[in-house]
Amino acid sequence: MRLALGLMLIASILTACGSSTTSPTATTGASPVVPPESAAAVGAAMADAANHLGASADALRLEQVQAREWSDSSLGCPQPGQLYSQVITPGYLIVITSGSRQLEYHTDERTRVTLCRET
């Protein structure tokens, strides 16, 4: 219940943000400005990160949101043995941290998210 409330809070905050920048957003103590059109993708990535790490939404930090055009439907994270549609797929590169762990998500413009890298 607490996780769901936290994710709803994050989604509402992201929806309220109003910049449409597509440049990489690095942070120096502040959360990046999130374009409103990326709110669904960011919300899905945050929910997946919380589930993947077994962490509460409060323990997650959104580090970067960057608009991208992936070269195919693998979203830049092809898996061996899988076939992908060869179509430009717009989406986002989203970086989330929790403690010393960093998760790099690749998304489409909606809620399809792929955990591409974890460090």
N, C-alpha and C. Protein backbone atom coordinates (compact mmCIF):
# COMPACT_ATOMS: atom_id res chain seq x y z
N MET A 1 0.83 -1.19 0.00
CA MET A 1 0.00 0.00 0.00
C MET A 1 0.87 1.25 0.00
N ARG A 2 1.90 1.26 0.87
CA ARG A 2 2.77 2.43 0.96
C ARG A 2 3.51 2.65 -0.36
N LEU A 3 3.95 1.54 -1.01
CA LEU A 3 4.64 1.63 -2.29
C LEU A 3 3.72 2.22 -3.35
N ALA A 4 2.46 1.75 -3.37
CA ALA A 4 1.51 2.26 -4.35
C ALA A 4 1.26 3.75 -4.15
N LEU A 5 1.12 4.17 -2.91
CA LEU A 5 0.92 5.59 -2.63
C LEU A 5 2.14 6.41 -3.04
N GLY A 6 3.32 5.89 -2.77
CA GLY A 6 4.54 6.58 -3.15
C GLY A 6 4.66 6.72 -4.65
N LEU A 7 4.32 5.66 -5.38
CA LEU A 7 4.39 5.71 -6.84
C LEU A 7 3.35 6.66 -7.42
N MET A 8 2.16 6.71 -6.79
CA MET A 8 1.15 7.66 -7.26
C MET A 8 1.62 9.09 -7.01
N LEU A 9 2.28 9.31 -5.89
CA LEU A 9 2.81 10.64 -5.59
C LEU A 9 3.87 11.03 -6.61
N ILE A 10 4.76 10.11 -6.92
CA ILE A 10 5.80 10.38 -7.92
C ILE A 10 5.16 10.69 -9.27
N ALA A 11 4.17 9.89 -9.67
CA ALA A 11 3.52 10.12 -10.96
C ALA A 11 2.84 11.49 -11.00
N SER A 12 2.21 11.89 -9.90
CA SER A 12 1.55 13.20 -9.90
C SER A 12 2.56 14.34 -9.94
N ILE A 13 3.68 14.16 -9.26
CA ILE A 13 4.73 15.19 -9.30
C ILE A 13 5.30 15.29 -10.70
N LEU A 14 5.54 14.13 -11.33
CA LEU A 14 6.10 14.14 -12.68
C LEU A 14 5.13 14.76 -13.67
N THR A 15 3.85 14.52 -13.50
CA THR A 15 2.85 15.11 -14.38
C THR A 15 2.81 16.62 -14.24
N ALA A 16 3.07 17.12 -13.05
CA ALA A 16 3.03 18.55 -12.81
C ALA A 16 4.24 19.29 -13.37
N CYS A 17 5.35 18.59 -13.59
CA CYS A 17 6.55 19.24 -14.13
C CYS A 17 6.27 19.67 -15.56
N GLY A 18 6.81 20.82 -15.98
CA GLY A 18 6.39 21.34 -17.26
C GLY A 18 7.45 21.64 -18.29
N SER A 19 8.62 21.07 -18.25
CA SER A 19 9.63 21.35 -19.28
C SER A 19 9.63 20.24 -20.30
N SER A 20 9.95 20.57 -21.55
CA SER A 20 9.98 19.54 -22.58
C SER A 20 11.40 19.36 -23.11
N THR A 21 12.38 19.56 -22.29
CA THR A 21 13.76 19.39 -22.71
C THR A 21 14.06 17.94 -23.04
N THR A 22 14.92 17.70 -24.04
CA THR A 22 15.29 16.34 -24.38
C THR A 22 16.78 16.12 -24.17
N SER A 23 17.47 17.09 -23.62
CA SER A 23 18.89 16.93 -23.35
C SER A 23 19.08 16.11 -22.09
N PRO A 24 20.26 15.47 -21.97
CA PRO A 24 20.50 14.69 -20.75
C PRO A 24 20.40 15.59 -19.53
N THR A 25 19.90 15.03 -18.46
CA THR A 25 19.74 15.80 -17.24
C THR A 25 20.59 15.17 -16.16
N ALA A 26 21.67 15.82 -15.82
CA ALA A 26 22.50 15.36 -14.71
C ALA A 26 22.04 16.09 -13.47
N THR A 27 22.26 15.49 -12.32
CA THR A 27 21.80 16.13 -11.11
C THR A 27 22.95 16.48 -10.20
N THR A 28 22.76 17.53 -9.46
CA THR A 28 23.71 17.92 -8.43
C THR A 28 22.93 18.14 -7.15
N GLY A 29 22.25 17.08 -6.71
CA GLY A 29 21.48 17.16 -5.49
C GLY A 29 20.00 17.38 -5.73
N ALA A 30 19.59 17.79 -6.93
CA ALA A 30 18.18 18.01 -7.23
C ALA A 30 17.72 16.97 -8.25
N SER A 31 16.44 16.65 -8.22
CA SER A 31 15.89 15.72 -9.20
C SER A 31 15.83 16.40 -10.56
N PRO A 32 15.97 15.62 -11.64
CA PRO A 32 15.91 16.21 -12.98
C PRO A 32 14.51 16.70 -13.29
N VAL A 33 14.43 17.66 -14.20
CA VAL A 33 13.14 18.12 -14.68
C VAL A 33 12.62 17.04 -15.62
N VAL A 34 11.39 16.63 -15.40
CA VAL A 34 10.82 15.52 -16.16
C VAL A 34 9.76 16.07 -17.11
N PRO A 35 9.95 15.87 -18.43
CA PRO A 35 8.93 16.33 -19.37
C PRO A 35 7.60 15.63 -19.07
N PRO A 36 6.48 16.35 -19.12
CA PRO A 36 5.18 15.74 -18.80
C PRO A 36 4.87 14.52 -19.66
N GLU A 37 5.30 14.54 -20.92
CA GLU A 37 5.01 13.42 -21.81
C GLU A 37 5.76 12.14 -21.42
N SER A 38 6.75 12.25 -20.54
CA SER A 38 7.50 11.06 -20.11
C SER A 38 7.00 10.51 -18.78
N ALA A 39 5.97 11.11 -18.19
CA ALA A 39 5.51 10.72 -16.85
C ALA A 39 5.13 9.25 -16.76
N ALA A 40 4.43 8.71 -17.76
CA ALA A 40 4.01 7.30 -17.71
C ALA A 40 5.22 6.38 -17.75
N ALA A 41 6.19 6.68 -18.61
CA ALA A 41 7.39 5.85 -18.71
C ALA A 41 8.22 5.93 -17.43
N VAL A 42 8.35 7.12 -16.88
CA VAL A 42 9.12 7.29 -15.63
C VAL A 42 8.42 6.55 -14.49
N GLY A 43 7.10 6.67 -14.41
CA GLY A 43 6.35 5.97 -13.38
C GLY A 43 6.52 4.46 -13.47
N ALA A 44 6.49 3.93 -14.70
CA ALA A 44 6.66 2.49 -14.89
C ALA A 44 8.08 2.05 -14.51
N ALA A 45 9.08 2.86 -14.85
CA ALA A 45 10.46 2.53 -14.50
C ALA A 45 10.66 2.58 -12.99
N MET A 46 10.08 3.58 -12.33
CA MET A 46 10.20 3.69 -10.87
C MET A 46 9.53 2.49 -10.19
N ALA A 47 8.36 2.08 -10.69
CA ALA A 47 7.67 0.92 -10.11
C ALA A 47 8.49 -0.34 -10.29
N ASP A 48 9.08 -0.52 -11.48
CA ASP A 48 9.90 -1.70 -11.73
C ASP A 48 11.14 -1.68 -10.85
N ALA A 49 11.76 -0.51 -10.69
CA ALA A 49 12.96 -0.40 -9.85
C ALA A 49 12.65 -0.75 -8.41
N ALA A 50 11.53 -0.27 -7.89
CA ALA A 50 11.14 -0.58 -6.52
C ALA A 50 10.95 -2.08 -6.35
N ASN A 51 10.29 -2.70 -7.31
CA ASN A 51 10.06 -4.14 -7.27
C ASN A 51 11.38 -4.91 -7.40
N HIS A 52 12.20 -4.51 -8.35
CA HIS A 52 13.48 -5.18 -8.61
C HIS A 52 14.41 -5.13 -7.41
N LEU A 53 14.46 -3.98 -6.76
CA LEU A 53 15.37 -3.79 -5.62
C LEU A 53 14.73 -4.17 -4.29
N GLY A 54 13.43 -4.38 -4.28
CA GLY A 54 12.73 -4.64 -3.03
C GLY A 54 12.80 -3.43 -2.11
N ALA A 55 12.73 -2.25 -2.71
CA ALA A 55 12.88 -1.00 -1.98
C ALA A 55 11.58 -0.20 -2.03
N SER A 56 11.43 0.71 -1.09
CA SER A 56 10.27 1.60 -1.13
C SER A 56 10.54 2.72 -2.13
N ALA A 57 9.49 3.36 -2.57
CA ALA A 57 9.62 4.47 -3.51
C ALA A 57 10.47 5.59 -2.91
N ASP A 58 10.41 5.73 -1.59
CA ASP A 58 11.20 6.77 -0.90
C ASP A 58 12.70 6.53 -1.02
N ALA A 59 13.11 5.27 -1.23
CA ALA A 59 14.52 4.93 -1.30
C ALA A 59 15.09 5.11 -2.70
N LEU A 60 14.25 5.44 -3.67
CA LEU A 60 14.69 5.59 -5.06
C LEU A 60 14.93 7.05 -5.40
N ARG A 61 15.90 7.27 -6.28
CA ARG A 61 16.20 8.63 -6.73
C ARG A 61 16.27 8.63 -8.25
N LEU A 62 15.48 9.48 -8.86
CA LEU A 62 15.50 9.65 -10.31
C LEU A 62 16.68 10.54 -10.66
N GLU A 63 17.63 10.00 -11.41
CA GLU A 63 18.86 10.74 -11.74
C GLU A 63 18.84 11.37 -13.12
N GLN A 64 18.20 10.68 -14.09
CA GLN A 64 18.26 11.17 -15.47
C GLN A 64 17.04 10.72 -16.25
N VAL A 65 16.54 11.61 -17.08
CA VAL A 65 15.49 11.29 -18.06
C VAL A 65 15.92 11.95 -19.36
N GLN A 66 16.06 11.14 -20.40
CA GLN A 66 16.50 11.68 -21.68
C GLN A 66 15.69 11.05 -22.80
N ALA A 67 15.10 11.88 -23.65
CA ALA A 67 14.37 11.37 -24.81
C ALA A 67 15.35 10.69 -25.76
N ARG A 68 14.94 9.57 -26.31
CA ARG A 68 15.77 8.81 -27.24
C ARG A 68 14.92 8.26 -28.37
N GLU A 69 15.56 7.94 -29.47
CA GLU A 69 14.95 7.18 -30.55
C GLU A 69 15.76 5.90 -30.67
N TRP A 70 15.17 4.78 -30.23
CA TRP A 70 15.84 3.49 -30.29
C TRP A 70 15.78 2.98 -31.72
N SER A 71 16.82 2.30 -32.17
CA SER A 71 16.91 1.87 -33.57
C SER A 71 15.96 0.73 -33.92
N ASP A 72 15.43 0.04 -32.91
CA ASP A 72 14.45 -1.03 -33.15
C ASP A 72 13.63 -1.24 -31.89
N SER A 73 12.74 -2.24 -31.93
CA SER A 73 11.84 -2.43 -30.79
C SER A 73 12.50 -3.11 -29.59
N SER A 74 13.81 -3.39 -29.66
CA SER A 74 14.52 -3.92 -28.49
C SER A 74 14.80 -2.80 -27.49
N LEU A 75 14.55 -1.58 -27.87
CA LEU A 75 14.79 -0.40 -27.03
C LEU A 75 16.28 -0.27 -26.67
N GLY A 76 17.14 -0.74 -27.56
CA GLY A 76 18.58 -0.62 -27.32
C GLY A 76 19.15 -1.69 -26.41
N CYS A 77 18.34 -2.69 -26.05
CA CYS A 77 18.78 -3.77 -25.15
C CYS A 77 18.41 -5.13 -25.75
N PRO A 78 18.97 -5.47 -26.90
CA PRO A 78 18.59 -6.74 -27.53
C PRO A 78 19.03 -7.94 -26.69
N GLN A 79 18.18 -8.95 -26.68
CA GLN A 79 18.46 -10.19 -25.97
C GLN A 79 18.78 -11.27 -27.00
N PRO A 80 19.77 -12.13 -26.73
CA PRO A 80 20.12 -13.19 -27.66
C PRO A 80 18.91 -14.08 -27.98
N GLY A 81 18.77 -14.42 -29.24
CA GLY A 81 17.71 -15.32 -29.67
C GLY A 81 16.36 -14.67 -29.88
N GLN A 82 16.24 -13.38 -29.63
CA GLN A 82 14.97 -12.67 -29.81
C GLN A 82 14.97 -11.91 -31.13
N LEU A 83 13.81 -11.79 -31.74
CA LEU A 83 13.64 -11.01 -32.96
C LEU A 83 12.93 -9.72 -32.61
N TYR A 84 13.31 -8.64 -33.27
CA TYR A 84 12.74 -7.32 -32.98
C TYR A 84 12.32 -6.63 -34.26
N SER A 85 11.23 -5.88 -34.18
CA SER A 85 10.78 -5.09 -35.32
C SER A 85 11.82 -4.03 -35.62
N GLN A 86 12.15 -3.91 -36.88
CA GLN A 86 13.15 -2.93 -37.30
C GLN A 86 12.45 -1.60 -37.61
N VAL A 87 12.07 -0.92 -36.53
CA VAL A 87 11.36 0.34 -36.65
C VAL A 87 11.89 1.28 -35.58
N ILE A 88 12.10 2.53 -35.95
CA ILE A 88 12.55 3.53 -34.98
C ILE A 88 11.49 3.60 -33.88
N THR A 89 11.93 3.46 -32.64
CA THR A 89 11.02 3.45 -31.50
C THR A 89 11.36 4.59 -30.55
N PRO A 90 10.54 5.63 -30.51
CA PRO A 90 10.81 6.73 -29.59
C PRO A 90 10.56 6.30 -28.14
N GLY A 91 11.36 6.85 -27.25
CA GLY A 91 11.21 6.53 -25.84
C GLY A 91 12.16 7.34 -24.99
N TYR A 92 12.60 6.74 -23.87
CA TYR A 92 13.43 7.45 -22.91
C TYR A 92 14.51 6.56 -22.33
N LEU A 93 15.63 7.19 -22.01
CA LEU A 93 16.67 6.59 -21.18
C LEU A 93 16.41 7.15 -19.79
N ILE A 94 16.21 6.26 -18.82
CA ILE A 94 15.90 6.68 -17.45
C ILE A 94 16.89 6.02 -16.51
N VAL A 95 17.55 6.81 -15.67
CA VAL A 95 18.51 6.30 -14.70
C VAL A 95 17.95 6.54 -13.30
N ILE A 96 17.91 5.46 -12.52
CA ILE A 96 17.39 5.48 -11.15
C ILE A 96 18.45 4.90 -10.23
N THR A 97 18.65 5.52 -9.07
CA THR A 97 19.60 4.99 -8.11
C THR A 97 18.91 4.71 -6.78
N SER A 98 19.51 3.80 -6.04
CA SER A 98 19.10 3.51 -4.67
C SER A 98 20.37 3.08 -3.95
N GLY A 99 20.82 3.92 -3.01
CA GLY A 99 22.10 3.64 -2.35
C GLY A 99 23.21 3.65 -3.38
N SER A 100 24.00 2.59 -3.43
CA SER A 100 25.11 2.51 -4.38
C SER A 100 24.72 1.82 -5.68
N ARG A 101 23.47 1.42 -5.82
CA ARG A 101 23.02 0.72 -7.02
C ARG A 101 22.41 1.69 -8.02
N GLN A 102 22.75 1.46 -9.29
CA GLN A 102 22.23 2.31 -10.36
C GLN A 102 21.57 1.42 -11.40
N LEU A 103 20.35 1.79 -11.78
CA LEU A 103 19.59 1.04 -12.78
C LEU A 103 19.38 1.92 -14.00
N GLU A 104 19.67 1.38 -15.17
CA GLU A 104 19.45 2.10 -16.43
C GLU A 104 18.31 1.43 -17.16
N TYR A 105 17.23 2.18 -17.33
CA TYR A 105 16.05 1.68 -18.03
C TYR A 105 15.96 2.31 -19.40
N HIS A 106 15.51 1.52 -20.37
CA HIS A 106 15.17 2.01 -21.69
C HIS A 106 13.67 1.77 -21.84
N THR A 107 12.96 2.77 -22.33
CA THR A 107 11.50 2.68 -22.41
C THR A 107 11.00 3.09 -23.79
N ASP A 108 9.74 2.76 -24.05
CA ASP A 108 9.07 3.38 -25.19
C ASP A 108 8.39 4.64 -24.66
N GLU A 109 7.50 5.22 -25.42
CA GLU A 109 6.86 6.46 -24.96
C GLU A 109 5.75 6.23 -23.94
N ARG A 110 5.40 4.98 -23.72
CA ARG A 110 4.31 4.69 -22.78
C ARG A 110 4.87 4.03 -21.53
N THR A 111 4.54 2.77 -21.34
CA THR A 111 4.93 2.11 -20.09
C THR A 111 5.74 0.83 -20.30
N ARG A 112 6.23 0.60 -21.49
CA ARG A 112 7.10 -0.56 -21.72
C ARG A 112 8.50 -0.19 -21.26
N VAL A 113 9.01 -0.89 -20.25
CA VAL A 113 10.33 -0.59 -19.72
C VAL A 113 11.20 -1.84 -19.76
N THR A 114 12.48 -1.63 -20.02
CA THR A 114 13.45 -2.71 -20.02
C THR A 114 14.61 -2.28 -19.15
N LEU A 115 14.92 -3.09 -18.14
CA LEU A 115 16.11 -2.84 -17.34
C LEU A 115 17.29 -3.26 -18.19
N CYS A 116 18.05 -2.29 -18.66
CA CYS A 116 19.12 -2.56 -19.62
C CYS A 116 20.46 -2.79 -18.93
N ARG A 117 20.69 -2.08 -17.82
CA ARG A 117 21.97 -2.22 -17.14
C ARG A 117 21.81 -1.92 -15.66
N GLU A 118 22.51 -2.71 -14.86
CA GLU A 118 22.53 -2.48 -13.41
C GLU A 118 23.97 -2.46 -12.94
N THR A 119 24.32 -1.42 -12.20
CA THR A 119 25.69 -1.33 -11.66
C THR A 119 25.63 -1.07 -10.17
